[in-house]
Amino acid sequence: MSARVSLRSRVSSFSHFPLPGPYNQAVGEPLLRTAAVITVSDGCFQGTREDGSGPLLTRLLNDSGFAVVFTVVVPDEIPAISAELRISAESASLVVTTGGTGLAPRDVTPEATLQVCTRTVPGLSEFMRLEGMKQTPMASLSRGVCGTVGKTLILNLPGSPAGAVASLRTVLPLVPHALDLLAGKTEHAKPLES
């Protein structure tokens, strides 16, 4: 295991645009869903490259009603990635990673994610790749996976800022329902009467 420490930052402010979901019965206000953003990049971790994706994903999640509880930058190393995924899953219902999903030798985010997840959600990964291929055929080279650990949903997103944002936007409408199901809310909507 690497002796390197991840670069973690707490996000102190977030937007208050709640998604449909649980309510605080004491005050009647919607509870915010929590999220964490993990940037996987040797260059960003070493300070030789600026993180272009993490801040954009944080902003998109905030604007979509998530309280981003922290962001972190880790190197392209399975032990560091899997450790941060486990830590993040303890405090966030949604964890998104950006980077390390391609074919380069150090692109190991999917392997680390599969070590942590107890179940995979291949439909989300397939949906992101399908929509991405409408923009660029390079999207078919993404090996990103999606899965769950406990009540947390983990999404692997590409490292490019445009690809990361487009991929998250693709599946974001599905995330509230997925999080409800993970939380045990399995009631189906009543069918419309004609």
N, C-alpha and C. Protein backbone atom coordinates (compact mmCIF):
# COMPACT_ATOMS: atom_id res chain seq x y z
N MET A 1 0.84 -1.19 0.00
CA MET A 1 0.00 0.00 0.00
C MET A 1 0.88 1.24 0.00
N SER A 2 0.48 2.25 -0.70
CA SER A 2 1.25 3.47 -0.82
C SER A 2 1.25 4.24 0.49
N ALA A 3 2.35 4.88 0.78
CA ALA A 3 2.45 5.69 1.98
C ALA A 3 1.93 7.09 1.73
N ARG A 4 1.56 7.40 0.51
CA ARG A 4 1.05 8.72 0.18
C ARG A 4 -0.30 8.97 0.84
N VAL A 5 -0.53 10.20 1.16
CA VAL A 5 -1.79 10.60 1.76
C VAL A 5 -2.63 11.30 0.71
N SER A 6 -3.93 11.07 0.73
CA SER A 6 -4.80 11.74 -0.24
C SER A 6 -4.95 13.20 0.12
N LEU A 7 -5.27 13.99 -0.87
CA LEU A 7 -5.52 15.42 -0.66
C LEU A 7 -7.02 15.62 -0.51
N ARG A 8 -7.49 15.76 0.71
CA ARG A 8 -8.91 15.85 1.00
C ARG A 8 -9.28 17.28 1.36
N SER A 9 -10.40 17.72 0.86
CA SER A 9 -10.90 19.03 1.27
C SER A 9 -12.38 18.93 1.57
N ARG A 10 -12.77 19.54 2.62
CA ARG A 10 -14.18 19.59 2.96
C ARG A 10 -14.81 20.71 2.16
N VAL A 11 -16.01 20.50 1.71
CA VAL A 11 -16.75 21.52 0.98
C VAL A 11 -17.64 22.21 2.00
N SER A 12 -17.43 23.51 2.19
CA SER A 12 -18.12 24.19 3.27
C SER A 12 -19.46 24.79 2.88
N SER A 13 -19.69 24.99 1.59
CA SER A 13 -20.97 25.56 1.20
C SER A 13 -21.57 24.74 0.07
N PHE A 14 -22.88 24.75 0.01
CA PHE A 14 -23.55 24.01 -1.05
C PHE A 14 -24.91 24.65 -1.29
N SER A 15 -25.42 24.37 -2.46
CA SER A 15 -26.72 24.90 -2.84
C SER A 15 -27.83 24.16 -2.12
N HIS A 16 -28.93 24.78 -1.93
CA HIS A 16 -30.08 24.17 -1.26
C HIS A 16 -31.22 23.96 -2.24
N PHE A 17 -31.01 23.10 -3.21
CA PHE A 17 -32.04 22.75 -4.17
C PHE A 17 -32.37 21.28 -3.98
N PRO A 18 -33.24 20.96 -3.02
CA PRO A 18 -33.47 19.56 -2.69
C PRO A 18 -34.15 18.77 -3.80
N LEU A 19 -33.70 17.55 -3.95
CA LEU A 19 -34.35 16.62 -4.86
C LEU A 19 -35.50 15.96 -4.13
N PRO A 20 -36.45 15.38 -4.85
CA PRO A 20 -37.51 14.66 -4.16
C PRO A 20 -36.90 13.59 -3.28
N GLY A 21 -37.37 13.48 -2.08
CA GLY A 21 -36.80 12.47 -1.20
C GLY A 21 -37.30 12.61 0.22
N PRO A 22 -36.52 12.13 1.17
CA PRO A 22 -36.96 12.12 2.56
C PRO A 22 -37.10 13.53 3.12
N TYR A 23 -37.97 13.65 4.10
CA TYR A 23 -38.21 14.95 4.72
C TYR A 23 -37.91 14.88 6.20
N ASN A 24 -37.38 15.97 6.74
CA ASN A 24 -37.17 16.11 8.16
C ASN A 24 -38.53 16.41 8.77
N GLN A 25 -39.12 15.43 9.43
CA GLN A 25 -40.48 15.58 9.93
C GLN A 25 -40.61 16.67 10.99
N ALA A 26 -39.52 16.96 11.72
CA ALA A 26 -39.58 17.96 12.78
C ALA A 26 -39.83 19.36 12.22
N VAL A 27 -39.23 19.67 11.08
CA VAL A 27 -39.38 21.02 10.53
C VAL A 27 -40.01 21.03 9.15
N GLY A 28 -40.30 19.88 8.60
CA GLY A 28 -40.97 19.80 7.31
C GLY A 28 -40.12 20.19 6.12
N GLU A 29 -38.78 20.17 6.28
CA GLU A 29 -37.90 20.53 5.17
C GLU A 29 -37.30 19.28 4.55
N PRO A 30 -37.08 19.31 3.24
CA PRO A 30 -36.43 18.16 2.60
C PRO A 30 -35.00 17.98 3.13
N LEU A 31 -34.60 16.74 3.30
CA LEU A 31 -33.22 16.45 3.65
C LEU A 31 -32.39 16.44 2.37
N LEU A 32 -31.21 17.03 2.44
CA LEU A 32 -30.33 17.02 1.28
C LEU A 32 -29.66 15.67 1.15
N ARG A 33 -29.47 15.24 -0.05
CA ARG A 33 -28.71 14.02 -0.30
C ARG A 33 -27.23 14.40 -0.27
N THR A 34 -26.41 13.48 0.20
CA THR A 34 -24.99 13.77 0.33
C THR A 34 -24.21 13.12 -0.81
N ALA A 35 -23.11 13.75 -1.18
CA ALA A 35 -22.26 13.25 -2.25
C ALA A 35 -20.80 13.54 -1.92
N ALA A 36 -19.92 12.75 -2.52
CA ALA A 36 -18.47 12.97 -2.44
C ALA A 36 -17.91 12.86 -3.85
N VAL A 37 -16.86 13.62 -4.12
CA VAL A 37 -16.22 13.62 -5.43
C VAL A 37 -14.76 13.22 -5.24
N ILE A 38 -14.35 12.16 -5.93
CA ILE A 38 -12.97 11.68 -5.87
C ILE A 38 -12.33 11.86 -7.24
N THR A 39 -11.30 12.67 -7.30
CA THR A 39 -10.53 12.83 -8.54
C THR A 39 -9.36 11.87 -8.48
N VAL A 40 -9.24 11.03 -9.49
CA VAL A 40 -8.17 10.04 -9.56
C VAL A 40 -7.20 10.49 -10.65
N SER A 41 -6.03 10.96 -10.23
CA SER A 41 -5.06 11.48 -11.20
C SER A 41 -3.70 11.62 -10.53
N ASP A 42 -2.70 10.96 -11.09
CA ASP A 42 -1.34 11.14 -10.59
C ASP A 42 -0.91 12.60 -10.69
N GLY A 43 -1.18 13.21 -11.85
CA GLY A 43 -0.76 14.60 -12.06
C GLY A 43 -1.41 15.57 -11.10
N CYS A 44 -2.72 15.44 -10.88
CA CYS A 44 -3.40 16.32 -9.93
C CYS A 44 -2.91 16.07 -8.51
N PHE A 45 -2.69 14.81 -8.17
CA PHE A 45 -2.21 14.47 -6.83
C PHE A 45 -0.82 15.05 -6.59
N GLN A 46 0.03 15.01 -7.61
CA GLN A 46 1.39 15.52 -7.47
C GLN A 46 1.48 17.03 -7.66
N GLY A 47 0.37 17.66 -8.05
CA GLY A 47 0.36 19.10 -8.23
C GLY A 47 0.91 19.58 -9.55
N THR A 48 1.08 18.69 -10.51
CA THR A 48 1.60 19.08 -11.82
C THR A 48 0.49 19.34 -12.83
N ARG A 49 -0.75 19.04 -12.44
CA ARG A 49 -1.90 19.25 -13.32
C ARG A 49 -3.05 19.79 -12.46
N GLU A 50 -3.81 20.70 -13.03
CA GLU A 50 -4.97 21.24 -12.33
C GLU A 50 -6.16 20.30 -12.49
N ASP A 51 -6.92 20.11 -11.43
CA ASP A 51 -8.13 19.28 -11.48
C ASP A 51 -9.23 20.06 -12.18
N GLY A 52 -9.53 19.69 -13.40
CA GLY A 52 -10.58 20.37 -14.16
C GLY A 52 -11.94 19.74 -13.97
N SER A 53 -12.00 18.45 -13.62
CA SER A 53 -13.28 17.74 -13.52
C SER A 53 -13.92 17.83 -12.15
N GLY A 54 -13.14 17.65 -11.10
CA GLY A 54 -13.69 17.63 -9.74
C GLY A 54 -14.54 18.85 -9.40
N PRO A 55 -14.02 20.06 -9.61
CA PRO A 55 -14.82 21.25 -9.30
C PRO A 55 -16.10 21.36 -10.14
N LEU A 56 -16.04 20.96 -11.41
CA LEU A 56 -17.24 21.00 -12.25
C LEU A 56 -18.29 20.01 -11.76
N LEU A 57 -17.86 18.82 -11.36
CA LEU A 57 -18.79 17.83 -10.83
C LEU A 57 -19.39 18.29 -9.51
N THR A 58 -18.57 18.90 -8.68
CA THR A 58 -19.05 19.44 -7.40
C THR A 58 -20.14 20.48 -7.65
N ARG A 59 -19.89 21.38 -8.59
CA ARG A 59 -20.87 22.42 -8.91
C ARG A 59 -22.17 21.80 -9.45
N LEU A 60 -22.05 20.83 -10.35
CA LEU A 60 -23.24 20.18 -10.91
C LEU A 60 -24.03 19.47 -9.81
N LEU A 61 -23.35 18.77 -8.93
CA LEU A 61 -24.05 18.10 -7.84
C LEU A 61 -24.72 19.10 -6.91
N ASN A 62 -24.01 20.18 -6.55
CA ASN A 62 -24.61 21.22 -5.71
C ASN A 62 -25.86 21.79 -6.36
N ASP A 63 -25.75 22.10 -7.65
CA ASP A 63 -26.89 22.68 -8.38
C ASP A 63 -28.04 21.69 -8.52
N SER A 64 -27.76 20.42 -8.34
CA SER A 64 -28.79 19.38 -8.45
C SER A 64 -29.34 18.96 -7.09
N GLY A 65 -28.98 19.69 -6.05
CA GLY A 65 -29.56 19.44 -4.74
C GLY A 65 -28.76 18.53 -3.82
N PHE A 66 -27.54 18.24 -4.16
CA PHE A 66 -26.70 17.41 -3.30
C PHE A 66 -25.82 18.28 -2.42
N ALA A 67 -25.62 17.84 -1.21
CA ALA A 67 -24.64 18.45 -0.32
C ALA A 67 -23.35 17.68 -0.53
N VAL A 68 -22.39 18.30 -1.20
CA VAL A 68 -21.11 17.64 -1.43
C VAL A 68 -20.31 17.78 -0.14
N VAL A 69 -20.16 16.67 0.57
CA VAL A 69 -19.55 16.72 1.90
C VAL A 69 -18.04 16.80 1.85
N PHE A 70 -17.42 16.32 0.80
CA PHE A 70 -16.00 16.54 0.61
C PHE A 70 -15.58 16.14 -0.79
N THR A 71 -14.42 16.68 -1.16
CA THR A 71 -13.77 16.29 -2.40
C THR A 71 -12.37 15.81 -2.04
N VAL A 72 -11.82 14.95 -2.86
CA VAL A 72 -10.49 14.40 -2.57
C VAL A 72 -9.79 14.09 -3.89
N VAL A 73 -8.47 14.23 -3.90
CA VAL A 73 -7.64 13.86 -5.04
C VAL A 73 -6.73 12.73 -4.59
N VAL A 74 -6.72 11.64 -5.36
CA VAL A 74 -5.87 10.49 -5.04
C VAL A 74 -5.06 10.10 -6.27
N PRO A 75 -3.93 9.43 -6.06
CA PRO A 75 -3.15 8.96 -7.20
C PRO A 75 -3.81 7.75 -7.85
N ASP A 76 -3.34 7.41 -9.02
CA ASP A 76 -3.84 6.25 -9.76
C ASP A 76 -3.27 4.96 -9.16
N GLU A 77 -3.70 4.64 -7.96
CA GLU A 77 -3.23 3.45 -7.25
C GLU A 77 -4.43 2.77 -6.62
N ILE A 78 -4.59 1.48 -6.87
CA ILE A 78 -5.76 0.75 -6.38
C ILE A 78 -5.95 0.91 -4.87
N PRO A 79 -4.91 0.75 -4.03
CA PRO A 79 -5.13 0.88 -2.58
C PRO A 79 -5.64 2.27 -2.17
N ALA A 80 -5.09 3.32 -2.79
CA ALA A 80 -5.52 4.68 -2.45
C ALA A 80 -6.96 4.93 -2.89
N ILE A 81 -7.29 4.47 -4.08
CA ILE A 81 -8.65 4.68 -4.60
C ILE A 81 -9.66 3.90 -3.77
N SER A 82 -9.40 2.64 -3.53
CA SER A 82 -10.36 1.82 -2.78
C SER A 82 -10.51 2.32 -1.35
N ALA A 83 -9.43 2.79 -0.73
CA ALA A 83 -9.53 3.34 0.63
C ALA A 83 -10.44 4.57 0.65
N GLU A 84 -10.28 5.46 -0.33
CA GLU A 84 -11.13 6.67 -0.38
C GLU A 84 -12.57 6.31 -0.70
N LEU A 85 -12.79 5.31 -1.54
CA LEU A 85 -14.17 4.89 -1.82
C LEU A 85 -14.84 4.40 -0.54
N ARG A 86 -14.13 3.62 0.26
CA ARG A 86 -14.70 3.12 1.52
C ARG A 86 -14.99 4.26 2.49
N ILE A 87 -14.05 5.19 2.63
CA ILE A 87 -14.24 6.34 3.51
C ILE A 87 -15.43 7.17 3.03
N SER A 88 -15.48 7.43 1.75
CA SER A 88 -16.56 8.26 1.18
C SER A 88 -17.92 7.61 1.38
N ALA A 89 -17.98 6.29 1.21
CA ALA A 89 -19.26 5.57 1.34
C ALA A 89 -19.81 5.63 2.76
N GLU A 90 -18.97 5.92 3.73
CA GLU A 90 -19.43 6.04 5.11
C GLU A 90 -20.18 7.34 5.36
N SER A 91 -19.92 8.37 4.53
CA SER A 91 -20.55 9.67 4.81
C SER A 91 -21.34 10.24 3.64
N ALA A 92 -21.38 9.56 2.51
CA ALA A 92 -22.11 10.09 1.36
C ALA A 92 -22.96 8.99 0.74
N SER A 93 -24.15 9.36 0.29
CA SER A 93 -25.02 8.37 -0.37
C SER A 93 -24.67 8.21 -1.84
N LEU A 94 -23.96 9.18 -2.42
CA LEU A 94 -23.50 9.11 -3.80
C LEU A 94 -22.02 9.45 -3.82
N VAL A 95 -21.22 8.60 -4.44
CA VAL A 95 -19.79 8.86 -4.61
C VAL A 95 -19.50 8.82 -6.09
N VAL A 96 -18.92 9.90 -6.62
CA VAL A 96 -18.52 9.92 -8.02
C VAL A 96 -17.01 10.01 -8.09
N THR A 97 -16.44 9.22 -8.98
CA THR A 97 -15.02 9.32 -9.27
C THR A 97 -14.86 9.91 -10.65
N THR A 98 -13.76 10.60 -10.86
CA THR A 98 -13.44 11.12 -12.18
C THR A 98 -11.99 10.80 -12.47
N GLY A 99 -11.77 10.11 -13.58
CA GLY A 99 -10.42 9.75 -13.98
C GLY A 99 -10.10 8.29 -13.76
N GLY A 100 -9.11 7.82 -14.50
CA GLY A 100 -8.62 6.47 -14.33
C GLY A 100 -9.48 5.38 -14.93
N THR A 101 -10.34 5.73 -15.90
CA THR A 101 -11.26 4.74 -16.46
C THR A 101 -10.88 4.29 -17.87
N GLY A 102 -9.76 4.77 -18.37
CA GLY A 102 -9.37 4.45 -19.74
C GLY A 102 -8.53 3.19 -19.85
N LEU A 103 -7.70 3.14 -20.89
CA LEU A 103 -6.91 1.96 -21.18
C LEU A 103 -5.44 2.09 -20.81
N ALA A 104 -5.02 3.24 -20.32
CA ALA A 104 -3.61 3.42 -19.95
C ALA A 104 -3.25 2.46 -18.82
N PRO A 105 -2.00 2.06 -18.72
CA PRO A 105 -1.61 1.10 -17.69
C PRO A 105 -1.97 1.53 -16.27
N ARG A 106 -1.96 2.82 -15.97
CA ARG A 106 -2.27 3.28 -14.60
C ARG A 106 -3.75 3.61 -14.42
N ASP A 107 -4.58 3.39 -15.41
CA ASP A 107 -6.03 3.61 -15.28
C ASP A 107 -6.63 2.40 -14.56
N VAL A 108 -6.78 2.52 -13.24
CA VAL A 108 -7.20 1.38 -12.42
C VAL A 108 -8.43 1.68 -11.56
N THR A 109 -9.11 2.77 -11.85
CA THR A 109 -10.30 3.10 -11.05
C THR A 109 -11.36 2.01 -11.09
N PRO A 110 -11.68 1.41 -12.24
CA PRO A 110 -12.68 0.34 -12.24
C PRO A 110 -12.28 -0.86 -11.36
N GLU A 111 -11.00 -1.21 -11.40
CA GLU A 111 -10.54 -2.34 -10.57
C GLU A 111 -10.70 -2.04 -9.09
N ALA A 112 -10.35 -0.81 -8.69
CA ALA A 112 -10.50 -0.41 -7.28
C ALA A 112 -11.97 -0.38 -6.88
N THR A 113 -12.80 0.11 -7.78
CA THR A 113 -14.24 0.20 -7.49
C THR A 113 -14.84 -1.19 -7.33
N LEU A 114 -14.45 -2.11 -8.18
CA LEU A 114 -14.98 -3.47 -8.08
C LEU A 114 -14.53 -4.18 -6.80
N GLN A 115 -13.38 -3.78 -6.26
CA GLN A 115 -12.94 -4.34 -4.98
C GLN A 115 -13.84 -3.89 -3.84
N VAL A 116 -14.43 -2.71 -3.97
CA VAL A 116 -15.22 -2.12 -2.89
C VAL A 116 -16.70 -2.47 -3.01
N CYS A 117 -17.22 -2.48 -4.22
CA CYS A 117 -18.66 -2.67 -4.43
C CYS A 117 -19.09 -4.11 -4.14
N THR A 118 -20.28 -4.21 -3.56
CA THR A 118 -20.86 -5.54 -3.32
C THR A 118 -21.78 -5.94 -4.46
N ARG A 119 -22.28 -4.94 -5.21
CA ARG A 119 -23.12 -5.21 -6.38
C ARG A 119 -22.78 -4.20 -7.46
N THR A 120 -22.85 -4.64 -8.71
CA THR A 120 -22.63 -3.71 -9.82
C THR A 120 -23.97 -3.26 -10.39
N VAL A 121 -23.94 -2.10 -11.03
CA VAL A 121 -25.13 -1.55 -11.70
C VAL A 121 -24.70 -1.26 -13.14
N PRO A 122 -24.58 -2.31 -13.95
CA PRO A 122 -24.04 -2.13 -15.30
C PRO A 122 -24.88 -1.24 -16.20
N GLY A 123 -26.17 -1.17 -15.97
CA GLY A 123 -27.02 -0.34 -16.82
C GLY A 123 -26.63 1.13 -16.79
N LEU A 124 -26.18 1.63 -15.63
CA LEU A 124 -25.76 3.03 -15.56
C LEU A 124 -24.50 3.27 -16.38
N SER A 125 -23.53 2.37 -16.27
CA SER A 125 -22.29 2.51 -17.05
C SER A 125 -22.59 2.43 -18.54
N GLU A 126 -23.44 1.48 -18.91
CA GLU A 126 -23.80 1.32 -20.32
C GLU A 126 -24.50 2.56 -20.86
N PHE A 127 -25.39 3.12 -20.05
CA PHE A 127 -26.14 4.31 -20.45
C PHE A 127 -25.18 5.48 -20.67
N MET A 128 -24.21 5.66 -19.75
CA MET A 128 -23.26 6.76 -19.91
C MET A 128 -22.42 6.58 -21.17
N ARG A 129 -21.96 5.35 -21.43
CA ARG A 129 -21.16 5.11 -22.64
C ARG A 129 -22.00 5.32 -23.91
N LEU A 130 -23.23 4.84 -23.90
CA LEU A 130 -24.12 5.00 -25.06
C LEU A 130 -24.32 6.47 -25.39
N GLU A 131 -24.64 7.26 -24.38
CA GLU A 131 -24.84 8.70 -24.62
C GLU A 131 -23.53 9.38 -25.00
N GLY A 132 -22.43 8.96 -24.39
CA GLY A 132 -21.13 9.54 -24.70
C GLY A 132 -20.71 9.29 -26.14
N MET A 133 -21.07 8.11 -26.67
CA MET A 133 -20.70 7.78 -28.05
C MET A 133 -21.44 8.64 -29.06
N LYS A 134 -22.52 9.30 -28.64
CA LYS A 134 -23.21 10.24 -29.53
C LYS A 134 -22.36 11.49 -29.73
N GLN A 135 -21.45 11.76 -28.78
CA GLN A 135 -20.57 12.93 -28.86
C GLN A 135 -19.22 12.58 -29.46
N THR A 136 -18.69 11.41 -29.05
CA THR A 136 -17.38 10.98 -29.54
C THR A 136 -17.26 9.46 -29.48
N PRO A 137 -16.70 8.86 -30.52
CA PRO A 137 -16.52 7.40 -30.47
C PRO A 137 -15.54 6.97 -29.38
N MET A 138 -14.73 7.90 -28.87
CA MET A 138 -13.77 7.59 -27.81
C MET A 138 -14.47 7.14 -26.53
N ALA A 139 -15.74 7.49 -26.36
CA ALA A 139 -16.48 7.08 -25.16
C ALA A 139 -16.54 5.56 -25.03
N SER A 140 -16.44 4.86 -26.16
CA SER A 140 -16.50 3.40 -26.12
C SER A 140 -15.26 2.80 -25.46
N LEU A 141 -14.21 3.60 -25.27
CA LEU A 141 -13.00 3.12 -24.62
C LEU A 141 -13.06 3.25 -23.10
N SER A 142 -14.10 3.84 -22.58
CA SER A 142 -14.24 3.98 -21.13
C SER A 142 -14.54 2.62 -20.51
N ARG A 143 -13.85 2.33 -19.41
CA ARG A 143 -14.09 1.10 -18.67
C ARG A 143 -14.78 1.36 -17.34
N GLY A 144 -15.31 2.57 -17.17
CA GLY A 144 -15.95 2.94 -15.92
C GLY A 144 -17.05 1.97 -15.52
N VAL A 145 -17.16 1.72 -14.22
CA VAL A 145 -18.19 0.85 -13.68
C VAL A 145 -19.02 1.62 -12.67
N CYS A 146 -20.17 1.10 -12.35
CA CYS A 146 -21.03 1.67 -11.32
C CYS A 146 -21.45 0.52 -10.41
N GLY A 147 -21.61 0.83 -9.14
CA GLY A 147 -21.99 -0.22 -8.21
C GLY A 147 -22.44 0.35 -6.89
N THR A 148 -22.71 -0.55 -5.96
CA THR A 148 -23.18 -0.14 -4.64
C THR A 148 -22.33 -0.80 -3.56
N VAL A 149 -22.23 -0.10 -2.47
CA VAL A 149 -21.66 -0.64 -1.24
C VAL A 149 -22.54 -0.11 -0.11
N GLY A 150 -23.18 -1.01 0.60
CA GLY A 150 -24.15 -0.58 1.61
C GLY A 150 -25.26 0.20 0.95
N LYS A 151 -25.53 1.40 1.46
CA LYS A 151 -26.58 2.26 0.92
C LYS A 151 -26.02 3.35 0.01
N THR A 152 -24.81 3.15 -0.46
CA THR A 152 -24.13 4.15 -1.28
C THR A 152 -24.01 3.69 -2.73
N LEU A 153 -24.26 4.61 -3.65
CA LEU A 153 -24.09 4.38 -5.08
C LEU A 153 -22.76 5.00 -5.51
N ILE A 154 -21.94 4.23 -6.24
CA ILE A 154 -20.65 4.71 -6.73
C ILE A 154 -20.71 4.74 -8.25
N LEU A 155 -20.31 5.88 -8.82
CA LEU A 155 -20.28 6.07 -10.27
C LEU A 155 -18.87 6.42 -10.71
N ASN A 156 -18.30 5.67 -11.64
CA ASN A 156 -17.02 6.02 -12.26
C ASN A 156 -17.30 6.87 -13.48
N LEU A 157 -16.70 8.05 -13.52
CA LEU A 157 -16.86 8.97 -14.65
C LEU A 157 -15.52 9.17 -15.34
N PRO A 158 -15.53 9.57 -16.60
CA PRO A 158 -14.27 9.84 -17.30
C PRO A 158 -13.48 10.97 -16.63
N GLY A 159 -12.22 11.08 -16.99
CA GLY A 159 -11.38 12.13 -16.42
C GLY A 159 -11.49 13.46 -17.13
N SER A 160 -11.89 13.46 -18.39
CA SER A 160 -12.01 14.74 -19.10
C SER A 160 -13.18 15.53 -18.52
N PRO A 161 -13.00 16.84 -18.35
CA PRO A 161 -14.10 17.64 -17.79
C PRO A 161 -15.41 17.49 -18.57
N ALA A 162 -15.35 17.58 -19.90
CA ALA A 162 -16.58 17.47 -20.71
C ALA A 162 -17.20 16.09 -20.56
N GLY A 163 -16.38 15.05 -20.61
CA GLY A 163 -16.90 13.69 -20.48
C GLY A 163 -17.47 13.41 -19.10
N ALA A 164 -16.82 13.92 -18.08
CA ALA A 164 -17.29 13.70 -16.71
C ALA A 164 -18.66 14.36 -16.50
N VAL A 165 -18.77 15.61 -16.90
CA VAL A 165 -20.04 16.34 -16.71
C VAL A 165 -21.15 15.71 -17.55
N ALA A 166 -20.86 15.40 -18.81
CA ALA A 166 -21.88 14.80 -19.68
C ALA A 166 -22.35 13.45 -19.13
N SER A 167 -21.42 12.65 -18.65
CA SER A 167 -21.78 11.34 -18.11
C SER A 167 -22.66 11.48 -16.87
N LEU A 168 -22.28 12.38 -15.96
CA LEU A 168 -23.10 12.56 -14.76
C LEU A 168 -24.48 13.11 -15.11
N ARG A 169 -24.53 14.06 -16.04
CA ARG A 169 -25.83 14.59 -16.46
C ARG A 169 -26.72 13.49 -17.05
N THR A 170 -26.12 12.54 -17.73
CA THR A 170 -26.88 11.46 -18.34
C THR A 170 -27.63 10.64 -17.29
N VAL A 171 -26.97 10.30 -16.20
CA VAL A 171 -27.58 9.40 -15.21
C VAL A 171 -28.19 10.12 -14.01
N LEU A 172 -27.92 11.41 -13.87
CA LEU A 172 -28.40 12.15 -12.70
C LEU A 172 -29.92 12.04 -12.49
N PRO A 173 -30.75 12.04 -13.54
CA PRO A 173 -32.19 11.89 -13.31
C PRO A 173 -32.57 10.54 -12.68
N LEU A 174 -31.72 9.53 -12.82
CA LEU A 174 -31.99 8.20 -12.27
C LEU A 174 -31.50 8.05 -10.83
N VAL A 175 -30.58 8.90 -10.43
CA VAL A 175 -29.91 8.73 -9.14
C VAL A 175 -30.86 8.84 -7.94
N PRO A 176 -31.79 9.80 -7.88
CA PRO A 176 -32.67 9.84 -6.71
C PRO A 176 -33.44 8.55 -6.48
N HIS A 177 -33.95 7.95 -7.55
CA HIS A 177 -34.69 6.70 -7.40
C HIS A 177 -33.76 5.58 -6.95
N ALA A 178 -32.56 5.53 -7.51
CA ALA A 178 -31.58 4.52 -7.09
C ALA A 178 -31.25 4.67 -5.62
N LEU A 179 -31.05 5.91 -5.17
CA LEU A 179 -30.74 6.13 -3.75
C LEU A 179 -31.91 5.78 -2.85
N ASP A 180 -33.13 6.06 -3.31
CA ASP A 180 -34.32 5.65 -2.54
C ASP A 180 -34.36 4.13 -2.39
N LEU A 181 -34.10 3.42 -3.48
CA LEU A 181 -34.11 1.96 -3.42
C LEU A 181 -33.04 1.44 -2.47
N LEU A 182 -31.85 2.04 -2.53
CA LEU A 182 -30.77 1.63 -1.62
C LEU A 182 -31.12 1.90 -0.17
N ALA A 183 -31.92 2.94 0.06
CA ALA A 183 -32.33 3.29 1.42
C ALA A 183 -33.52 2.45 1.90
N GLY A 184 -34.00 1.55 1.04
CA GLY A 184 -35.10 0.67 1.43
C GLY A 184 -36.47 1.17 1.06
N LYS A 185 -36.54 2.26 0.34
CA LYS A 185 -37.84 2.80 -0.09
C LYS A 185 -38.20 2.13 -1.42
N THR A 186 -38.91 1.03 -1.32
CA THR A 186 -39.18 0.21 -2.51
C THR A 186 -40.61 0.27 -3.00
N GLU A 187 -41.41 1.17 -2.45
CA GLU A 187 -42.79 1.29 -2.92
C GLU A 187 -42.79 1.86 -4.34
N HIS A 188 -43.64 1.29 -5.16
CA HIS A 188 -43.76 1.79 -6.53
C HIS A 188 -44.89 2.81 -6.58
N ALA A 189 -44.75 3.75 -7.50
CA ALA A 189 -45.80 4.73 -7.67
C ALA A 189 -47.09 4.05 -8.10
N LYS A 190 -48.19 4.59 -7.65
CA LYS A 190 -49.49 4.03 -8.03
C LYS A 190 -49.75 4.33 -9.49
N PRO A 191 -50.30 3.38 -10.24
CA PRO A 191 -50.61 3.64 -11.65
C PRO A 191 -51.68 4.70 -11.79
N LEU A 192 -51.60 5.45 -12.86
CA LEU A 192 -52.60 6.47 -13.12
C LEU A 192 -53.92 5.81 -13.48
N GLU A 193 -54.99 6.36 -12.95
CA GLU A 193 -56.31 5.82 -13.30
C GLU A 193 -56.81 6.51 -14.55
N SER A 194 -57.46 5.74 -15.39
CA SER A 194 -57.98 6.35 -16.64
C SER A 194 -59.41 6.75 -16.51
